[in-house]
């Protein structure tokens, strides 16, 4: 799976990490609050490394 960091459209200060698997299932983690973008990027990197 590829993990993508995206700014939330409805809540501009929130950041999402999204991924889809080969079966078409979607996974989303939402980060808000202080340093939301940095935490989302860190989480996406961590998930990529665990593959």
C-alpha atoms as a PDB file:
ATOM      1  CA  UNK A   1       0.000   0.000   0.000  1.00  0.00           C
ATOM      2  CA  UNK A   2       1.052   3.537  -0.632  1.00  0.00           C
ATOM      3  CA  UNK A   3       0.289   6.020   2.132  1.00  0.00           C
ATOM      4  CA  UNK A   4      -0.557   9.544   1.042  1.00  0.00           C
ATOM      5  CA  UNK A   5      -0.662  12.653   3.248  1.00  0.00           C
ATOM      6  CA  UNK A   6      -3.473  15.027   2.274  1.00  0.00           C
ATOM      7  CA  UNK A   7      -4.772  18.236   3.812  1.00  0.00           C
ATOM      8  CA  UNK A   8      -8.421  17.792   4.770  1.00  0.00           C
ATOM      9  CA  UNK A   9     -10.725  19.767   2.460  1.00  0.00           C
ATOM     10  CA  UNK A  10     -13.375  20.503   5.090  1.00  0.00           C
ATOM     11  CA  UNK A  11     -10.991  21.249   7.966  1.00  0.00           C
ATOM     12  CA  UNK A  12      -7.895  22.956   6.527  1.00  0.00           C
ATOM     13  CA  UNK A  13      -5.782  22.498   9.674  1.00  0.00           C
ATOM     14  CA  UNK A  14      -6.423  18.747   9.765  1.00  0.00           C
ATOM     15  CA  UNK A  15      -4.307  16.275   7.803  1.00  0.00           C
ATOM     16  CA  UNK A  16      -5.226  12.805   6.570  1.00  0.00           C
ATOM     17  CA  UNK A  17      -3.175   9.753   5.771  1.00  0.00           C
ATOM     18  CA  UNK A  18      -4.969   7.633   3.189  1.00  0.00           C
ATOM     19  CA  UNK A  19      -4.209   4.248   1.678  1.00  0.00           C
ATOM     20  CA  UNK A  20      -6.030   1.586  -0.333  1.00  0.00           C
ATOM     21  CA  UNK A  21      -5.178  -2.094  -0.510  1.00  0.00           C
ATOM     22  CA  UNK A  22      -5.411  -4.463  -3.472  1.00  0.00           C
ATOM     23  CA  UNK A  23      -8.901  -5.553  -2.394  1.00  0.00           C
ATOM     24  CA  UNK A  24     -10.240  -1.999  -2.718  1.00  0.00           C
ATOM     25  CA  UNK A  25     -10.435  -1.334   1.017  1.00  0.00           C
ATOM     26  CA  UNK A  26      -9.566   2.213   2.108  1.00  0.00           C
ATOM     27  CA  UNK A  27      -7.802   3.228   5.295  1.00  0.00           C
ATOM     28  CA  UNK A  28      -7.789   6.759   6.695  1.00  0.00           C
ATOM     29  CA  UNK A  29      -6.105   8.265   9.743  1.00  0.00           C
ATOM     30  CA  UNK A  30      -6.892  11.881  10.645  1.00  0.00           C
ATOM     31  CA  UNK A  31      -4.500  14.159  12.514  1.00  0.00           C
ATOM     32  CA  UNK A  32      -5.538  17.455  14.069  1.00  0.00           C
ATOM     33  CA  UNK A  33      -4.141  19.893  16.567  1.00  0.00           C
ATOM     34  CA  UNK A  34      -0.559  21.071  17.029  1.00  0.00           C
ATOM     35  CA  UNK A  35       1.868  19.841  14.363  1.00  0.00           C
ATOM     36  CA  UNK A  36      -0.840  17.794  12.625  1.00  0.00           C
ATOM     37  CA  UNK A  37       0.943  17.797   9.275  1.00  0.00           C
ATOM     38  CA  UNK A  38       4.270  16.702  10.758  1.00  0.00           C
ATOM     39  CA  UNK A  39       2.602  13.921  12.739  1.00  0.00           C
ATOM     40  CA  UNK A  40       0.706  12.720   9.650  1.00  0.00           C
ATOM     41  CA  UNK A  41       3.906  12.643   7.603  1.00  0.00           C
ATOM     42  CA  UNK A  42       5.719  10.757  10.350  1.00  0.00           C
ATOM     43  CA  UNK A  43       2.889   8.219  10.579  1.00  0.00           C
ATOM     44  CA  UNK A  44       2.849   7.704   6.790  1.00  0.00           C
ATOM     45  CA  UNK A  45       6.620   7.104   6.756  1.00  0.00           C
ATOM     46  CA  UNK A  46       6.312   4.636   9.642  1.00  0.00           C
ATOM     47  CA  UNK A  47       3.527   2.720   7.884  1.00  0.00           C
ATOM     48  CA  UNK A  48       5.525   2.606   4.619  1.00  0.00           C
ATOM     49  CA  UNK A  49       8.541   1.176   6.433  1.00  0.00           C
ATOM     50  CA  UNK A  50       6.450  -1.585   8.028  1.00  0.00           C
ATOM     51  CA  UNK A  51       5.360  -3.059   4.687  1.00  0.00           C
END
